[in-house]
N, C-alpha and C. Protein backbone atom coordinates (compact mmCIF):
# COMPACT_ATOMS: atom_id res chain seq x y z
N MET A 1 9.90 20.21 51.44
CA MET A 1 10.90 21.22 51.10
C MET A 1 12.30 20.59 51.21
N ALA A 2 13.15 20.87 50.25
CA ALA A 2 14.51 20.32 50.25
C ALA A 2 15.35 21.01 51.32
N SER A 3 16.23 20.24 51.92
CA SER A 3 17.11 20.83 52.94
C SER A 3 18.18 21.66 52.24
N PRO A 4 18.73 22.67 52.94
CA PRO A 4 19.77 23.51 52.32
C PRO A 4 21.00 22.68 51.96
N TYR A 5 21.69 23.15 50.97
CA TYR A 5 22.89 22.45 50.49
C TYR A 5 23.96 22.48 51.58
N ASN A 6 24.54 21.34 51.85
CA ASN A 6 25.62 21.22 52.82
C ASN A 6 26.78 20.50 52.13
N GLU A 7 27.84 21.23 51.87
CA GLU A 7 28.95 20.66 51.10
C GLU A 7 29.57 19.44 51.77
N ARG A 8 29.80 19.51 53.06
CA ARG A 8 30.44 18.39 53.77
C ARG A 8 29.60 17.11 53.62
N GLU A 9 28.28 17.23 53.83
CA GLU A 9 27.40 16.06 53.68
C GLU A 9 27.38 15.56 52.24
N THR A 10 27.35 16.49 51.32
CA THR A 10 27.32 16.11 49.90
C THR A 10 28.59 15.36 49.52
N VAL A 11 29.74 15.84 49.96
CA VAL A 11 31.01 15.18 49.66
C VAL A 11 31.02 13.77 50.25
N GLU A 12 30.51 13.63 51.47
CA GLU A 12 30.42 12.30 52.08
C GLU A 12 29.53 11.38 51.25
N MET A 13 28.41 11.92 50.76
CA MET A 13 27.50 11.12 49.94
C MET A 13 28.13 10.75 48.60
N LEU A 14 28.95 11.65 48.05
CA LEU A 14 29.63 11.38 46.77
C LEU A 14 30.60 10.22 46.90
N GLN A 15 31.13 10.03 48.08
CA GLN A 15 32.13 8.99 48.29
C GLN A 15 31.51 7.61 48.50
N GLN A 16 30.19 7.54 48.61
CA GLN A 16 29.52 6.26 48.80
C GLN A 16 28.69 5.92 47.57
N GLU A 17 28.92 4.75 47.05
CA GLU A 17 28.30 4.37 45.78
C GLU A 17 26.77 4.47 45.81
N GLN A 18 26.15 4.07 46.91
CA GLN A 18 24.68 4.05 46.96
C GLN A 18 24.06 5.46 47.00
N THR A 19 24.81 6.49 47.40
CA THR A 19 24.25 7.85 47.46
C THR A 19 24.92 8.80 46.46
N ARG A 20 25.84 8.28 45.66
CA ARG A 20 26.62 9.12 44.74
C ARG A 20 25.74 9.88 43.74
N ARG A 21 24.80 9.18 43.10
CA ARG A 21 23.97 9.83 42.08
C ARG A 21 23.12 10.94 42.69
N GLN A 22 22.50 10.68 43.82
CA GLN A 22 21.68 11.69 44.49
C GLN A 22 22.54 12.90 44.89
N ALA A 23 23.72 12.64 45.41
CA ALA A 23 24.62 13.73 45.80
C ALA A 23 25.05 14.55 44.58
N PHE A 24 25.33 13.85 43.48
CA PHE A 24 25.77 14.58 42.29
C PHE A 24 24.64 15.45 41.73
N GLU A 25 23.41 14.98 41.84
CA GLU A 25 22.26 15.80 41.43
C GLU A 25 22.20 17.08 42.27
N GLN A 26 22.53 16.98 43.55
CA GLN A 26 22.58 18.16 44.41
C GLN A 26 23.70 19.11 43.96
N VAL A 27 24.83 18.55 43.59
CA VAL A 27 25.96 19.35 43.11
C VAL A 27 25.55 20.11 41.84
N VAL A 28 24.92 19.40 40.92
CA VAL A 28 24.49 20.03 39.66
C VAL A 28 23.50 21.16 39.96
N ALA A 29 22.53 20.88 40.83
CA ALA A 29 21.53 21.91 41.18
C ALA A 29 22.20 23.11 41.86
N GLN A 30 23.18 22.85 42.70
CA GLN A 30 23.84 23.92 43.46
C GLN A 30 24.72 24.81 42.59
N TYR A 31 25.44 24.22 41.63
CA TYR A 31 26.49 24.96 40.92
C TYR A 31 26.19 25.27 39.46
N SER A 32 25.11 24.76 38.91
CA SER A 32 24.83 24.96 37.47
C SER A 32 24.80 26.42 37.06
N GLU A 33 24.03 27.22 37.78
CA GLU A 33 23.86 28.61 37.34
C GLU A 33 25.16 29.40 37.41
N GLN A 34 25.87 29.32 38.52
CA GLN A 34 27.10 30.12 38.62
C GLN A 34 28.17 29.62 37.65
N LEU A 35 28.26 28.32 37.43
CA LEU A 35 29.22 27.81 36.44
C LEU A 35 28.81 28.22 35.03
N TYR A 36 27.50 28.16 34.75
CA TYR A 36 27.02 28.57 33.42
C TYR A 36 27.48 30.00 33.12
N TRP A 37 27.26 30.91 34.07
CA TRP A 37 27.58 32.31 33.80
C TRP A 37 29.09 32.54 33.71
N GLN A 38 29.85 31.80 34.48
CA GLN A 38 31.31 31.91 34.37
C GLN A 38 31.76 31.45 32.98
N ILE A 39 31.23 30.34 32.53
CA ILE A 39 31.57 29.81 31.20
C ILE A 39 31.07 30.77 30.13
N ARG A 40 29.86 31.25 30.27
CA ARG A 40 29.25 32.13 29.27
C ARG A 40 30.07 33.40 29.09
N ARG A 41 30.59 33.93 30.19
CA ARG A 41 31.41 35.14 30.07
C ARG A 41 32.71 34.89 29.30
N MET A 42 33.14 33.64 29.26
CA MET A 42 34.35 33.31 28.53
C MET A 42 34.07 33.03 27.05
N VAL A 43 32.99 32.30 26.76
CA VAL A 43 32.77 31.86 25.39
C VAL A 43 31.66 32.65 24.69
N LEU A 44 30.90 33.43 25.46
CA LEU A 44 29.87 34.35 24.98
C LEU A 44 28.59 33.68 24.48
N SER A 45 28.67 32.63 23.74
CA SER A 45 27.49 32.00 23.15
C SER A 45 26.74 31.15 24.17
N HIS A 46 25.43 31.32 24.21
CA HIS A 46 24.58 30.53 25.11
C HIS A 46 24.72 29.03 24.81
N ASP A 47 24.65 28.67 23.54
CA ASP A 47 24.72 27.25 23.17
C ASP A 47 26.08 26.65 23.54
N ASP A 48 27.16 27.38 23.26
CA ASP A 48 28.49 26.88 23.62
C ASP A 48 28.62 26.76 25.13
N ALA A 49 28.09 27.74 25.86
CA ALA A 49 28.17 27.71 27.33
C ALA A 49 27.40 26.50 27.87
N ASN A 50 26.23 26.23 27.32
CA ASN A 50 25.47 25.05 27.76
C ASN A 50 26.24 23.77 27.49
N ASP A 51 26.83 23.67 26.30
CA ASP A 51 27.62 22.47 25.97
C ASP A 51 28.80 22.31 26.93
N LEU A 52 29.50 23.40 27.20
CA LEU A 52 30.66 23.33 28.08
C LEU A 52 30.26 23.04 29.53
N LEU A 53 29.10 23.53 29.93
CA LEU A 53 28.60 23.23 31.27
C LEU A 53 28.32 21.73 31.38
N GLN A 54 27.68 21.17 30.36
CA GLN A 54 27.44 19.72 30.36
C GLN A 54 28.75 18.95 30.38
N ASN A 55 29.73 19.39 29.59
CA ASN A 55 31.04 18.73 29.57
C ASN A 55 31.70 18.80 30.95
N THR A 56 31.55 19.94 31.61
CA THR A 56 32.13 20.12 32.94
C THR A 56 31.55 19.11 33.91
N PHE A 57 30.23 19.00 33.93
CA PHE A 57 29.61 18.05 34.86
C PHE A 57 29.89 16.60 34.47
N LEU A 58 29.98 16.34 33.17
CA LEU A 58 30.32 14.98 32.73
C LEU A 58 31.73 14.61 33.19
N LYS A 59 32.69 15.54 33.01
CA LYS A 59 34.06 15.28 33.47
C LYS A 59 34.10 15.12 34.98
N ALA A 60 33.35 15.94 35.69
CA ALA A 60 33.32 15.84 37.15
C ALA A 60 32.78 14.47 37.57
N TRP A 61 31.68 14.04 36.93
CA TRP A 61 31.07 12.75 37.27
C TRP A 61 32.04 11.60 37.02
N THR A 62 32.70 11.64 35.86
CA THR A 62 33.60 10.54 35.52
C THR A 62 34.93 10.60 36.29
N SER A 63 35.19 11.73 36.96
CA SER A 63 36.43 11.88 37.71
C SER A 63 36.21 11.94 39.21
N LEU A 64 35.03 11.60 39.66
CA LEU A 64 34.72 11.69 41.09
C LEU A 64 35.72 10.95 41.97
N GLU A 65 36.22 9.84 41.49
CA GLU A 65 37.16 9.06 42.32
C GLU A 65 38.45 9.83 42.58
N TYR A 66 38.75 10.84 41.76
CA TYR A 66 39.97 11.63 41.94
C TYR A 66 39.77 12.83 42.86
N PHE A 67 38.51 13.15 43.17
CA PHE A 67 38.24 14.27 44.06
C PHE A 67 38.49 13.83 45.49
N ARG A 68 39.43 14.46 46.15
CA ARG A 68 39.83 14.05 47.49
C ARG A 68 39.37 15.02 48.58
N ALA A 69 38.58 16.00 48.23
CA ALA A 69 38.02 16.97 49.19
C ALA A 69 39.09 17.79 49.92
N GLU A 70 40.28 17.91 49.31
CA GLU A 70 41.30 18.78 49.89
C GLU A 70 40.96 20.24 49.56
N ALA A 71 40.33 20.44 48.42
CA ALA A 71 39.83 21.76 48.04
C ALA A 71 38.30 21.69 48.11
N LYS A 72 37.67 22.85 48.07
CA LYS A 72 36.21 22.86 48.05
C LYS A 72 35.73 22.26 46.73
N LEU A 73 34.55 21.70 46.77
CA LEU A 73 33.93 21.12 45.57
C LEU A 73 33.79 22.18 44.48
N SER A 74 33.39 23.39 44.88
CA SER A 74 33.23 24.48 43.91
C SER A 74 34.55 24.80 43.22
N THR A 75 35.64 24.78 43.98
CA THR A 75 36.96 25.06 43.40
C THR A 75 37.31 24.02 42.36
N TRP A 76 37.07 22.77 42.69
CA TRP A 76 37.33 21.67 41.75
C TRP A 76 36.49 21.82 40.49
N LEU A 77 35.21 22.17 40.63
CA LEU A 77 34.33 22.35 39.48
C LEU A 77 34.77 23.54 38.62
N TYR A 78 35.15 24.64 39.27
CA TYR A 78 35.63 25.80 38.51
C TYR A 78 36.88 25.45 37.72
N ARG A 79 37.78 24.68 38.32
CA ARG A 79 39.00 24.29 37.62
C ARG A 79 38.65 23.49 36.37
N ILE A 80 37.72 22.55 36.50
CA ILE A 80 37.29 21.75 35.34
C ILE A 80 36.65 22.66 34.29
N ALA A 81 35.76 23.56 34.73
CA ALA A 81 35.07 24.45 33.80
C ALA A 81 36.05 25.37 33.06
N LEU A 82 37.00 25.92 33.78
CA LEU A 82 37.97 26.82 33.14
C LEU A 82 38.86 26.07 32.16
N ASN A 83 39.23 24.85 32.50
CA ASN A 83 40.00 24.03 31.55
C ASN A 83 39.17 23.71 30.31
N GLU A 84 37.90 23.43 30.50
CA GLU A 84 37.00 23.19 29.36
C GLU A 84 36.94 24.44 28.47
N CYS A 85 36.83 25.60 29.10
CA CYS A 85 36.78 26.86 28.34
C CYS A 85 38.07 27.08 27.54
N LEU A 86 39.19 26.88 28.20
CA LEU A 86 40.48 27.08 27.51
C LEU A 86 40.62 26.13 26.32
N THR A 87 40.27 24.88 26.53
CA THR A 87 40.34 23.90 25.43
C THR A 87 39.43 24.33 24.29
N PHE A 88 38.21 24.73 24.62
CA PHE A 88 37.25 25.16 23.61
C PHE A 88 37.76 26.39 22.85
N LEU A 89 38.24 27.39 23.59
CA LEU A 89 38.72 28.62 22.95
C LEU A 89 39.93 28.36 22.07
N ASN A 90 40.82 27.49 22.51
CA ASN A 90 41.98 27.15 21.69
C ASN A 90 41.57 26.44 20.40
N LYS A 91 40.63 25.50 20.50
CA LYS A 91 40.13 24.81 19.30
C LYS A 91 39.45 25.80 18.38
N GLN A 92 38.64 26.68 18.97
CA GLN A 92 37.92 27.67 18.17
C GLN A 92 38.88 28.60 17.45
N ARG A 93 39.92 29.03 18.15
CA ARG A 93 40.90 29.94 17.57
C ARG A 93 41.61 29.29 16.39
N SER A 94 41.96 28.01 16.53
CA SER A 94 42.68 27.35 15.45
C SER A 94 41.76 26.97 14.29
N ALA A 95 40.47 26.82 14.56
CA ALA A 95 39.53 26.42 13.51
C ALA A 95 39.01 27.61 12.70
N HIS A 96 38.98 28.78 13.33
CA HIS A 96 38.41 29.96 12.65
C HIS A 96 39.50 30.95 12.29
N THR A 97 39.34 31.52 11.15
CA THR A 97 40.19 32.65 10.83
C THR A 97 39.35 33.89 11.10
N VAL A 98 39.94 34.87 11.73
CA VAL A 98 39.22 36.09 12.05
C VAL A 98 39.94 37.24 11.37
N GLU A 99 39.27 38.39 11.38
CA GLU A 99 39.90 39.57 10.80
C GLU A 99 41.26 39.79 11.46
N ILE A 100 42.28 39.91 10.67
CA ILE A 100 43.63 40.08 11.21
C ILE A 100 43.73 41.38 12.01
N ASP A 101 43.15 42.46 11.48
CA ASP A 101 43.27 43.76 12.14
C ASP A 101 42.40 43.89 13.38
N ASN A 102 41.28 43.15 13.44
CA ASN A 102 40.35 43.34 14.54
C ASN A 102 39.64 42.04 14.91
N PRO A 103 40.34 41.11 15.56
CA PRO A 103 39.71 39.84 15.92
C PRO A 103 38.54 40.02 16.88
N GLU A 104 38.57 41.10 17.71
CA GLU A 104 37.47 41.32 18.65
C GLU A 104 36.16 41.63 17.92
N ALA A 105 36.25 42.22 16.73
CA ALA A 105 35.03 42.58 15.98
C ALA A 105 34.23 41.34 15.64
N THR A 106 34.91 40.27 15.23
CA THR A 106 34.22 39.03 14.89
C THR A 106 33.52 38.46 16.12
N ILE A 107 34.21 38.44 17.25
CA ILE A 107 33.62 37.91 18.47
C ILE A 107 32.50 38.81 18.96
N ALA A 108 32.70 40.12 18.89
CA ALA A 108 31.66 41.06 19.32
C ALA A 108 30.40 40.90 18.47
N HIS A 109 30.59 40.67 17.18
CA HIS A 109 29.44 40.44 16.31
C HIS A 109 28.68 39.19 16.74
N ARG A 110 29.41 38.14 17.09
CA ARG A 110 28.77 36.90 17.57
C ARG A 110 27.98 37.18 18.85
N LEU A 111 28.55 38.00 19.73
CA LEU A 111 27.87 38.34 20.98
C LEU A 111 26.57 39.09 20.69
N GLU A 112 26.64 40.11 19.85
CA GLU A 112 25.46 40.93 19.57
C GLU A 112 24.40 40.17 18.80
N SER A 113 24.78 39.16 18.02
CA SER A 113 23.81 38.41 17.24
C SER A 113 23.24 37.22 18.02
N ASP A 114 23.75 36.97 19.21
CA ASP A 114 23.23 35.89 20.05
C ASP A 114 21.83 36.28 20.53
N PRO A 115 20.81 35.45 20.23
CA PRO A 115 19.45 35.81 20.62
C PRO A 115 19.25 35.88 22.13
N TYR A 116 20.14 35.29 22.91
CA TYR A 116 20.00 35.30 24.37
C TYR A 116 20.69 36.51 25.01
N TYR A 117 21.42 37.29 24.21
CA TYR A 117 22.14 38.44 24.75
C TYR A 117 21.24 39.65 24.73
N SER A 118 21.13 40.33 25.88
CA SER A 118 20.23 41.48 25.94
C SER A 118 20.92 42.69 26.55
N GLY A 119 22.23 42.79 26.40
CA GLY A 119 22.99 43.86 27.02
C GLY A 119 22.77 45.21 26.36
N ASP A 120 22.87 46.26 27.17
CA ASP A 120 22.80 47.61 26.63
C ASP A 120 24.19 48.02 26.15
N ARG A 121 24.35 49.28 25.75
CA ARG A 121 25.62 49.73 25.17
C ARG A 121 26.80 49.55 26.12
N ILE A 122 26.66 49.94 27.38
CA ILE A 122 27.79 49.84 28.30
C ILE A 122 28.14 48.37 28.57
N GLN A 123 27.13 47.52 28.65
CA GLN A 123 27.39 46.09 28.86
C GLN A 123 28.12 45.52 27.63
N THR A 124 27.70 45.93 26.45
CA THR A 124 28.35 45.48 25.22
C THR A 124 29.81 45.96 25.19
N LEU A 125 30.03 47.22 25.57
CA LEU A 125 31.39 47.75 25.60
C LEU A 125 32.25 46.99 26.62
N LEU A 126 31.68 46.69 27.78
CA LEU A 126 32.43 45.93 28.78
C LEU A 126 32.80 44.56 28.23
N GLN A 127 31.84 43.89 27.58
CA GLN A 127 32.13 42.57 27.02
C GLN A 127 33.21 42.67 25.93
N GLN A 128 33.14 43.71 25.11
CA GLN A 128 34.16 43.90 24.09
C GLN A 128 35.53 44.16 24.73
N ALA A 129 35.54 44.94 25.80
CA ALA A 129 36.80 45.21 26.51
C ALA A 129 37.37 43.92 27.08
N LEU A 130 36.50 43.09 27.65
CA LEU A 130 36.95 41.81 28.21
C LEU A 130 37.58 40.93 27.13
N LEU A 131 37.07 41.03 25.92
CA LEU A 131 37.59 40.21 24.83
C LEU A 131 39.01 40.60 24.42
N THR A 132 39.42 41.80 24.80
CA THR A 132 40.78 42.22 24.45
C THR A 132 41.80 41.68 25.44
N LEU A 133 41.33 41.14 26.57
CA LEU A 133 42.24 40.63 27.60
C LEU A 133 42.75 39.24 27.23
N PRO A 134 43.95 38.90 27.67
CA PRO A 134 44.41 37.51 27.55
C PRO A 134 43.44 36.62 28.35
N GLU A 135 43.30 35.36 27.94
CA GLU A 135 42.28 34.49 28.52
C GLU A 135 42.39 34.36 30.04
N LYS A 136 43.59 34.15 30.55
CA LYS A 136 43.73 33.98 32.00
C LYS A 136 43.33 35.26 32.73
N GLN A 137 43.73 36.41 32.21
CA GLN A 137 43.36 37.68 32.82
C GLN A 137 41.85 37.85 32.82
N ARG A 138 41.22 37.47 31.71
CA ARG A 138 39.77 37.56 31.59
C ARG A 138 39.09 36.64 32.62
N MET A 139 39.63 35.44 32.79
CA MET A 139 39.06 34.51 33.77
C MET A 139 39.19 35.07 35.19
N VAL A 140 40.36 35.61 35.51
CA VAL A 140 40.58 36.19 36.84
C VAL A 140 39.61 37.34 37.06
N PHE A 141 39.49 38.22 36.06
CA PHE A 141 38.57 39.36 36.19
C PHE A 141 37.14 38.86 36.40
N ASN A 142 36.71 37.91 35.59
CA ASN A 142 35.34 37.40 35.72
C ASN A 142 35.07 36.79 37.09
N LEU A 143 36.01 36.00 37.58
CA LEU A 143 35.82 35.36 38.89
C LEU A 143 35.77 36.40 40.01
N LYS A 144 36.61 37.41 39.93
CA LYS A 144 36.66 38.44 40.98
C LYS A 144 35.49 39.41 40.86
N TYR A 145 35.24 39.90 39.66
CA TYR A 145 34.23 40.94 39.46
C TYR A 145 32.81 40.38 39.54
N TYR A 146 32.54 39.32 38.83
CA TYR A 146 31.18 38.79 38.77
C TYR A 146 30.86 37.82 39.90
N GLN A 147 31.81 36.96 40.25
CA GLN A 147 31.56 35.93 41.27
C GLN A 147 31.99 36.39 42.66
N GLU A 148 32.75 37.50 42.72
CA GLU A 148 33.28 38.02 43.98
C GLU A 148 34.07 36.94 44.72
N MET A 149 34.79 36.13 43.95
CA MET A 149 35.58 35.04 44.52
C MET A 149 36.83 35.60 45.18
N LYS A 150 37.21 35.02 46.28
CA LYS A 150 38.41 35.44 47.00
C LYS A 150 39.66 34.97 46.24
N TYR A 151 40.72 35.75 46.34
CA TYR A 151 41.96 35.41 45.65
C TYR A 151 42.50 34.06 46.10
N GLU A 152 42.33 33.74 47.38
CA GLU A 152 42.82 32.47 47.90
C GLU A 152 42.16 31.29 47.18
N GLU A 153 40.84 31.40 46.93
CA GLU A 153 40.14 30.33 46.23
C GLU A 153 40.58 30.27 44.77
N MET A 154 40.74 31.44 44.16
CA MET A 154 41.23 31.47 42.78
C MET A 154 42.62 30.85 42.69
N SER A 155 43.42 31.08 43.71
CA SER A 155 44.77 30.53 43.74
C SER A 155 44.73 29.00 43.65
N GLU A 156 43.76 28.39 44.32
CA GLU A 156 43.60 26.94 44.24
C GLU A 156 43.16 26.50 42.85
N ILE A 157 42.30 27.29 42.22
CA ILE A 157 41.80 26.95 40.88
C ILE A 157 42.93 27.03 39.85
N PHE A 158 43.67 28.14 39.89
CA PHE A 158 44.70 28.37 38.88
C PHE A 158 46.05 27.77 39.24
N GLY A 159 46.23 27.40 40.51
CA GLY A 159 47.52 26.88 40.94
C GLY A 159 48.60 27.93 40.86
N THR A 160 48.26 29.16 41.22
CA THR A 160 49.22 30.27 41.15
C THR A 160 49.09 31.11 42.42
N SER A 161 50.01 32.01 42.64
CA SER A 161 50.03 32.78 43.88
C SER A 161 48.94 33.85 43.91
N VAL A 162 48.55 34.21 45.12
CA VAL A 162 47.57 35.28 45.33
C VAL A 162 48.10 36.59 44.74
N GLY A 163 49.40 36.85 44.95
CA GLY A 163 50.00 38.08 44.43
C GLY A 163 49.90 38.20 42.92
N SER A 164 50.16 37.11 42.21
CA SER A 164 50.08 37.18 40.74
C SER A 164 48.62 37.35 40.29
N LEU A 165 47.67 36.79 41.04
CA LEU A 165 46.26 36.97 40.70
C LEU A 165 45.82 38.41 40.93
N LYS A 166 46.28 39.01 42.02
CA LYS A 166 45.96 40.42 42.28
C LYS A 166 46.53 41.30 41.17
N ALA A 167 47.75 41.01 40.77
CA ALA A 167 48.38 41.77 39.68
C ALA A 167 47.60 41.58 38.39
N SER A 168 47.20 40.35 38.10
CA SER A 168 46.44 40.05 36.90
C SER A 168 45.11 40.82 36.89
N TYR A 169 44.43 40.84 38.02
CA TYR A 169 43.15 41.56 38.13
C TYR A 169 43.39 43.06 37.93
N HIS A 170 44.43 43.59 38.58
CA HIS A 170 44.75 45.01 38.46
C HIS A 170 45.02 45.39 37.00
N HIS A 171 45.82 44.58 36.31
CA HIS A 171 46.12 44.85 34.89
C HIS A 171 44.84 44.77 34.04
N ALA A 172 44.00 43.81 34.36
CA ALA A 172 42.74 43.67 33.61
C ALA A 172 41.88 44.92 33.78
N VAL A 173 41.76 45.39 35.01
CA VAL A 173 40.95 46.59 35.28
C VAL A 173 41.50 47.78 34.51
N LYS A 174 42.82 47.95 34.53
CA LYS A 174 43.45 49.08 33.82
C LYS A 174 43.18 49.00 32.31
N LYS A 175 43.30 47.80 31.75
CA LYS A 175 43.06 47.63 30.31
C LYS A 175 41.60 47.90 29.97
N ILE A 176 40.70 47.46 30.82
CA ILE A 176 39.27 47.69 30.58
C ILE A 176 38.96 49.18 30.67
N GLU A 177 39.50 49.85 31.69
CA GLU A 177 39.29 51.30 31.82
C GLU A 177 39.79 52.03 30.59
N LYS A 178 40.97 51.66 30.12
CA LYS A 178 41.54 52.30 28.93
C LYS A 178 40.64 52.06 27.71
N TYR A 179 40.18 50.83 27.55
CA TYR A 179 39.31 50.50 26.42
C TYR A 179 38.03 51.34 26.47
N LEU A 180 37.42 51.43 27.65
CA LEU A 180 36.17 52.18 27.80
C LEU A 180 36.38 53.67 27.56
N GLU A 181 37.53 54.22 28.01
CA GLU A 181 37.83 55.63 27.77
C GLU A 181 37.98 55.90 26.28
N GLU A 182 38.67 55.01 25.57
CA GLU A 182 38.89 55.20 24.14
C GLU A 182 37.60 55.02 23.34
N ALA A 183 36.69 54.21 23.85
CA ALA A 183 35.42 53.97 23.15
C ALA A 183 34.44 55.13 23.33
N ASP A 184 34.69 55.94 24.33
CA ASP A 184 33.78 57.04 24.66
C ASP A 184 33.85 58.18 23.68
């Protein structure tokens, strides 16, 4: 039976060349699922989320020498994943033209046509509401609502104050509530 994940030991192993690969395999096993779902909530598509998850771990592997363990490993990985998502979404936005009057409709259609998506009506409405949020607000909402991440940890990921993150989450909740009320 494998021993439970211990971040401190894993970080020590990452810093030594002879144990780096084994430690990184532990990191991938520990964080793959939660990073996948965080990415998936941003980009919606299963295939895109898988690609971005692989990119995240590839960037982490090639940047290990820059990780100084001042922040938690998970915080560092989330920062890489969120940057990957932003880069992807920006490229996607510039590459695709969407309906001028309703850009969310195009994205919502992609969500509903994804064979891996199995949401009911309220889940679909929530996802559509999330798509109306600015990207950073959506990321903050996802991290707080789905991951139950503390504002202090998010502050390290985004490099912004706890107060502005709380405000961002509050505004996101209000916009989502308004969207759901109007859809009813």
